[in-house]
Protein backbone atom coordinates (compact mmCIF):
# COMPACT_ATOMS: atom_id res chain seq x y z
CA MET A 1 0.00 0.00 0.00
CA LYS A 2 1.40 3.39 -0.99
CA PRO A 3 1.77 5.95 1.81
CA GLU A 4 -0.16 9.20 1.70
CA ILE A 5 2.01 12.27 1.17
CA LYS A 6 0.17 15.60 1.19
CA GLY A 7 0.91 19.27 1.70
CA LYS A 8 4.69 18.92 1.42
CA ASN A 9 7.32 21.03 -0.33
CA ILE A 10 9.30 18.45 -2.29
CA PHE A 11 12.57 19.17 -4.09
CA ILE A 12 13.71 16.68 -6.75
CA THR A 13 17.12 16.85 -8.39
CA GLY A 14 17.03 15.14 -11.76
CA GLY A 15 13.26 15.41 -11.68
CA ALA A 16 13.01 15.51 -15.46
CA GLY A 17 14.42 12.00 -15.72
CA PHE A 18 12.61 8.68 -15.89
CA ILE A 19 12.16 8.00 -12.17
CA GLY A 20 11.86 11.62 -11.05
CA SER A 21 9.18 12.50 -13.60
CA THR A 22 7.19 9.37 -12.71
CA LEU A 23 7.40 10.26 -9.02
CA ILE A 24 6.02 13.72 -9.82
CA GLY A 25 2.94 12.12 -11.34
CA GLU A 26 2.23 10.38 -8.03
CA LEU A 27 2.60 13.49 -5.89
CA ILE A 28 1.81 16.62 -7.90
CA GLY A 29 -1.88 16.83 -7.06
CA ASP A 30 -1.35 17.19 -3.30
CA ASN A 31 2.12 18.72 -2.96
CA SER A 32 4.31 21.58 -4.14
CA ILE A 33 7.19 20.19 -6.20
CA THR A 34 10.36 21.86 -7.44
CA VAL A 35 12.43 20.13 -10.11
CA TYR A 36 16.11 21.01 -10.41
CA ASP A 37 17.57 19.50 -13.58
CA ASP A 38 19.80 20.31 -16.55
CA PHE A 39 17.22 18.58 -18.81
CA ARG A 40 19.90 16.57 -20.59
CA ARG A 41 17.38 13.75 -20.49
CA ASP A 42 13.82 14.96 -20.50
CA ALA A 43 10.96 12.59 -19.70
CA LEU A 44 8.95 15.36 -18.02
CA SER A 45 8.00 17.77 -20.81
CA GLY A 46 5.70 15.27 -22.49
CA LYS A 47 3.86 14.37 -19.30
CA PRO A 48 0.26 15.64 -18.85
CA TYR A 49 1.27 17.35 -15.61
CA ALA A 50 4.31 19.19 -17.04
CA ASP A 51 2.51 22.52 -16.70
CA HIS A 52 0.76 21.77 -13.42
CA PRO A 53 0.43 24.83 -11.15
CA ASN A 54 2.02 22.89 -8.26
CA LEU A 55 5.17 22.25 -10.30
CA THR A 56 8.17 24.57 -10.55
CA THR A 57 11.03 23.67 -12.89
CA ILE A 58 14.49 25.16 -12.56
CA LYS A 59 17.19 24.45 -15.11
CA GLY A 60 20.43 24.00 -13.25
CA ASN A 61 23.44 21.80 -12.58
CA ILE A 62 24.08 20.21 -9.18
CA LEU A 63 27.75 21.12 -9.56
CA ASP A 64 26.74 24.79 -9.22
CA TYR A 65 26.32 25.11 -5.47
CA SER A 66 24.89 28.62 -5.07
CA PRO A 67 21.87 28.27 -7.39
CA LEU A 68 21.24 24.77 -6.03
CA TYR A 69 21.29 26.08 -2.46
CA LYS A 70 18.91 28.92 -3.32
CA ALA A 71 16.50 26.67 -5.22
CA MET A 72 16.27 24.18 -2.35
CA ARG A 73 15.13 26.71 0.28
CA GLY A 74 11.83 25.75 1.88
CA ALA A 75 12.04 22.06 0.98
CA GLU A 76 10.74 19.51 3.47
CA ILE A 77 11.56 16.40 1.44
CA VAL A 78 14.55 16.19 -0.92
CA VAL A 79 14.84 13.38 -3.47
CA HIS A 80 18.27 13.28 -5.11
CA CYS A 81 17.90 11.51 -8.49
CA ALA A 82 20.36 13.59 -10.53
CA ALA A 83 23.36 11.66 -11.81
CA ILE A 84 25.36 10.68 -14.84
CA ALA A 85 24.22 7.16 -15.74
CA GLY A 86 24.03 4.71 -18.64
CA ILE A 87 26.93 2.46 -19.59
CA ASP A 88 27.68 4.21 -22.90
CA THR A 89 27.74 7.68 -21.30
CA VAL A 90 29.79 6.53 -18.32
CA ILE A 91 32.45 4.90 -20.52
CA LYS A 92 32.72 7.98 -22.74
CA LYS A 93 32.74 10.49 -19.87
CA PRO A 94 34.23 8.91 -16.73
CA THR A 95 35.53 12.22 -15.37
CA GLU A 96 32.17 13.95 -15.65
CA THR A 97 30.54 10.86 -14.14
CA MET A 98 32.76 11.07 -11.06
CA ARG A 99 32.39 14.82 -10.67
CA VAL A 100 28.61 14.96 -11.02
CA ASN A 101 27.92 11.91 -8.90
CA MET A 102 30.37 12.69 -6.09
CA ILE A 103 30.66 16.48 -5.96
CA GLY A 104 27.02 16.92 -6.97
CA THR A 105 25.85 14.65 -4.17
CA ALA A 106 28.10 16.48 -1.71
CA ASN A 107 26.51 19.76 -2.84
CA VAL A 108 22.99 18.40 -2.38
CA LEU A 109 23.73 17.15 1.13
CA GLU A 110 25.45 20.36 2.17
CA ALA A 111 22.64 22.52 0.78
CA ALA A 112 20.06 20.40 2.60
CA LYS A 113 21.92 20.56 5.92
CA ASP A 114 20.63 24.08 6.60
CA LEU A 115 16.98 23.34 5.80
CA PRO A 116 15.02 24.09 9.00
CA HIS A 117 12.14 21.71 8.26
CA LEU A 118 13.87 18.84 6.46
CA GLU A 119 11.92 15.64 7.07
CA ARG A 120 13.72 13.31 4.67
CA LEU A 121 16.50 13.23 2.08
CA VAL A 122 16.47 10.23 -0.24
CA ASP A 123 19.73 9.59 -2.11
CA PHE A 124 19.93 7.25 -5.09
CA SER A 125 22.84 4.83 -5.21
CA THR A 126 23.00 1.84 -7.58
CA SER A 127 22.98 -1.94 -7.61
CA GLU A 128 26.39 -1.69 -9.33
CA VAL A 129 28.05 -1.17 -5.93
CA PHE A 130 27.89 -4.96 -5.59
CA GLY A 131 30.32 -5.36 -8.48
CA SER A 132 30.33 -7.88 -11.29
CA SER A 133 28.63 -10.74 -9.42
CA ALA A 134 25.96 -10.53 -6.74
CA PHE A 135 23.30 -13.13 -5.93
CA ARG A 136 20.69 -12.31 -3.29
CA ALA A 137 22.92 -9.42 -2.29
CA ASP A 138 21.77 -7.71 0.87
CA GLU A 139 22.54 -4.24 2.13
CA ALA A 140 25.13 -5.43 4.65
CA ASP A 141 27.20 -7.32 2.06
CA THR A 142 30.67 -6.05 1.29
CA THR A 143 30.71 -3.91 -1.84
CA HIS A 144 33.06 -4.93 -4.67
CA ILE A 145 34.32 -2.52 -7.29
CA GLY A 146 36.26 -3.56 -10.39
CA ALA A 147 39.77 -2.68 -11.46
CA ILE A 148 40.97 0.93 -11.45
CA GLY A 149 41.11 2.25 -14.99
CA GLU A 150 38.05 0.31 -16.14
CA ALA A 151 35.69 3.15 -17.01
CA ARG A 152 32.51 1.25 -16.13
CA TRP A 153 33.34 1.18 -12.44
CA THR A 154 33.66 4.96 -12.15
CA TYR A 155 29.87 5.01 -11.90
CA ALA A 156 29.76 2.47 -9.07
CA VAL A 157 32.63 4.17 -7.21
CA SER A 158 30.99 7.58 -7.48
CA LYS A 159 27.65 6.25 -6.24
CA LEU A 160 29.27 4.36 -3.38
CA ALA A 161 31.05 7.55 -2.33
CA GLY A 162 27.65 9.23 -2.26
CA GLU A 163 26.31 6.46 -0.02
CA HIS A 164 29.14 6.93 2.46
CA LEU A 165 28.65 10.69 2.44
CA SER A 166 24.89 10.40 2.94
CA LYS A 167 25.45 8.08 5.90
CA ALA A 168 28.08 10.46 7.30
CA TYR A 169 25.67 13.41 7.21
CA HIS A 170 23.13 11.29 9.08
CA GLU A 171 25.62 10.22 11.74
CA GLU A 172 27.40 13.55 12.18
CA PHE A 173 24.61 16.08 11.67
CA GLY A 174 21.50 14.03 12.37
CA MET A 175 20.15 14.48 8.85
CA PRO A 176 17.22 12.15 8.04
CA THR A 177 18.90 10.51 5.05
CA VAL A 178 17.92 7.30 3.25
CA THR A 179 19.80 5.53 0.46
CA LEU A 180 18.11 3.45 -2.24
CA ARG A 181 19.87 0.98 -4.51
CA PRO A 182 17.68 0.51 -7.62
CA PHE A 183 17.91 -2.81 -9.46
CA ASN A 184 17.24 -2.47 -13.21
CA VAL A 185 14.17 -0.25 -13.18
CA TYR A 186 12.18 -0.12 -16.43
CA GLY A 187 8.79 0.83 -17.80
CA PRO A 188 6.76 3.64 -19.39
CA GLY A 189 8.66 6.92 -19.62
CA GLN A 190 12.14 5.39 -19.59
CA VAL A 191 14.64 7.50 -21.49
CA GLY A 192 18.26 7.08 -22.47
CA GLU A 193 20.10 3.77 -22.54
CA GLY A 194 18.92 0.45 -21.19
CA ALA A 195 18.50 -3.08 -22.51
CA MET A 196 14.81 -3.38 -21.70
CA ARG A 197 13.80 -0.14 -23.44
CA GLY A 198 15.99 -0.85 -26.46
CA PHE A 199 14.79 -4.42 -26.84
CA VAL A 200 11.11 -3.47 -26.56
CA LEU A 201 11.41 -0.63 -29.08
CA ARG A 202 13.17 -2.89 -31.58
CA ALA A 203 10.72 -5.73 -31.03
CA LEU A 204 7.78 -3.45 -31.76
CA LYS A 205 9.37 -2.62 -35.13
CA ASN A 206 10.49 -6.22 -35.79
CA GLU A 207 14.07 -4.94 -35.93
CA GLU A 208 17.16 -6.92 -35.01
CA ILE A 209 17.87 -7.13 -31.27
CA GLN A 210 21.59 -7.05 -30.48
CA ILE A 211 23.00 -8.65 -27.35
CA HIS A 212 26.48 -7.71 -26.15
CA GLY A 213 28.48 -10.81 -25.28
CA ASP A 214 26.99 -14.29 -24.92
CA GLY A 215 23.73 -13.16 -23.29
CA ASN A 216 24.27 -15.17 -20.11
CA GLN A 217 24.36 -12.07 -17.91
CA ILE A 218 21.63 -12.39 -15.27
CA ARG A 219 19.47 -9.48 -14.09
CA ALA A 220 16.46 -8.87 -11.86
CA TRP A 221 14.02 -6.43 -13.48
CA CYS A 222 11.90 -3.99 -11.44
CA TYR A 223 8.87 -2.32 -12.99
CA ILE A 224 8.70 1.45 -12.43
CA ASP A 225 5.43 1.37 -10.45
CA ASP A 226 6.99 -1.04 -7.96
CA PHE A 227 10.08 1.11 -7.61
CA ILE A 228 7.99 4.25 -7.05
CA ALA A 229 6.06 2.43 -4.32
CA GLY A 230 9.36 1.67 -2.59
CA LEU A 231 10.55 5.25 -3.05
CA LEU A 232 7.37 6.67 -1.52
CA LEU A 233 7.82 4.42 1.51
CA ALA A 234 11.44 5.56 1.85
CA MET A 235 10.27 9.19 1.79
CA VAL A 236 8.06 8.87 4.87
CA HIS A 237 8.49 5.60 6.77
CA PRO A 238 10.11 6.17 10.19
CA ASN A 239 12.14 2.95 9.90
CA ALA A 240 13.88 4.21 6.76
CA VAL A 241 15.97 6.98 8.34
CA GLY A 242 19.69 6.30 8.29
CA GLU A 243 19.26 3.10 6.28
CA ALA A 244 20.07 1.78 2.81
CA PHE A 245 17.62 -0.39 0.89
CA ASN A 246 17.74 -2.59 -2.18
CA ILE A 247 14.64 -1.81 -4.25
CA GLY A 248 14.02 -4.40 -6.93
CA ASN A 249 12.07 -7.49 -7.92
CA ALA A 250 13.90 -10.64 -6.84
CA ARG A 251 11.38 -12.81 -8.70
CA ALA A 252 11.74 -11.21 -12.15
CA VAL A 253 15.13 -12.79 -12.86
CA VAL A 254 16.31 -13.73 -16.35
CA THR A 255 19.41 -13.78 -18.54
CA ILE A 256 19.79 -11.01 -21.11
CA TYR A 257 19.26 -13.60 -23.85
CA GLY A 258 16.19 -14.88 -22.00
CA LEU A 259 14.91 -11.31 -21.72
CA ALA A 260 15.21 -10.80 -25.48
CA GLN A 261 13.43 -14.09 -26.12
CA THR A 262 10.66 -13.20 -23.66
CA ILE A 263 10.11 -9.79 -25.22
CA VAL A 264 9.92 -11.28 -28.71
CA ARG A 265 7.42 -13.90 -27.52
CA VAL A 266 5.23 -11.61 -25.40
CA LEU A 267 5.03 -8.97 -28.13
CA ASP A 268 4.64 -11.54 -30.92
CA SER A 269 7.59 -9.93 -32.67
CA LYS A 270 9.57 -11.18 -35.63
CA SER A 271 12.80 -9.56 -34.43
CA PRO A 272 15.92 -11.71 -34.96
CA ILE A 273 18.38 -11.86 -32.06
CA ARG A 274 22.08 -11.39 -32.79
CA PHE A 275 25.10 -11.53 -30.50
CA VAL A 276 27.75 -8.82 -30.89
CA ARG A 277 31.16 -8.21 -29.38
CA LYS A 278 31.31 -6.70 -25.90
CA ASP A 279 34.13 -4.19 -25.43
CA TYR A 280 33.59 -3.25 -21.78
CA ALA A 281 33.45 -4.87 -18.35
CA ASP A 282 30.01 -6.21 -17.56
CA VAL A 283 27.97 -7.34 -14.59
CA GLU A 284 27.49 -11.07 -14.96
CA LEU A 285 25.03 -11.64 -12.08
CA ARG A 286 22.91 -9.12 -10.19
CA VAL A 287 19.97 -10.31 -8.10
CA PRO A 288 18.96 -8.50 -4.90
CA SER A 289 17.73 -9.61 -1.55
CA VAL A 290 14.84 -7.30 -0.67
CA ALA A 291 14.21 -8.85 2.74
CA LYS A 292 15.28 -5.70 4.58
CA ALA A 293 12.93 -3.46 2.58
CA ILE A 294 10.06 -5.89 3.16
CA GLU A 295 10.73 -6.12 6.89
CA LYS A 296 11.50 -2.48 7.70
CA ILE A 297 9.30 -0.44 5.36
CA GLY A 298 6.82 -2.94 3.93
CA PHE A 299 8.02 -2.85 0.32
CA GLU A 300 7.41 -5.72 -2.06
CA ALA A 301 7.37 -5.74 -5.87
CA LYS A 302 4.12 -6.92 -7.48
CA VAL A 303 4.43 -6.61 -11.28
CA ASP A 304 5.85 -9.70 -12.96
CA LEU A 305 8.19 -9.50 -15.93
CA GLU A 306 5.77 -10.35 -18.73
CA GLU A 307 3.13 -7.93 -17.45
CA GLY A 308 5.76 -5.20 -17.17
CA ILE A 309 6.91 -5.83 -20.75
CA ARG A 310 3.31 -5.57 -22.01
CA ARG A 311 2.74 -2.29 -20.14
CA ALA A 312 5.98 -0.78 -21.42
CA ALA A 313 5.16 -1.82 -24.99
CA GLU A 314 1.70 -0.26 -24.80
CA PHE A 315 3.25 3.01 -23.70
CA TYR A 316 5.72 3.08 -26.59
CA LYS A 317 2.98 2.17 -29.07
CA LYS A 318 0.94 5.19 -27.93
CA ILE A 319 3.97 7.47 -28.12
CA ASN A 320 4.80 6.30 -31.64
CA SER A 321 1.21 6.62 -32.85
CA SER A 322 0.92 10.18 -31.58
CA ALA A 323 4.31 11.28 -32.90
């Protein structure tokens, strides 16, 4: 059951992105929301609530402390979604990835420290902090990062640094911080890179689906509505403060090759599947334990993989037909 959040001033960094813009749809009717984003990826402008009177959008970069600090004044709940993400972007721009994800997170925490009525700050980490292989990984497991110089791991390192900093602000200054580790979130409104989105779009057009490597990489896929339910709980549940949570669907587990096959079957597509060379380090196994989130805040994913694929496909069909 989703918690009721009403009458709050909510500040969302990266609010124009996939998760942030979906969260806005859940909250905009009963709350005042400020989005702070550089709009590099924009899933918000096309939403029916993009011009809602309760929504304020500010174009800005979290590396610019002064405008960020000013924009955040009056916030009661801060959700920090802004980050550099996506394997292709991270590999091409490892320096920017580190700067935005580490320094930007430090700026958000420091700006929020002076908020007189801060009730919660939710920081987004990543499932990649578990490294190349993690099965039923729980929040207390030791994190494993790959070799220095491998560009992919700059993302995980930068997010892990943010986790440590968020925890430090809680311990040292008493800030009500919470960290979420998303596990392969997908669904309507997804923008940018991502196997699920790419596979579904190609399957709808009966185009070739390319798999990097042998396709044996294993993932757990979390539908966006389930992730938002977990996020809402993290924003208000008293047990969440000072904690980190895996948010994912431990039942929706499949290899990348199996995912492509499932998408083709569910969508009755004629897309051929082809394997191509992989030129970067990859995560071979990533399945979460969500026992802590279930026990402490009552989160549990409900949407199975095939249903999620159908919902995502329906969304993209509508977008394409109205384009």
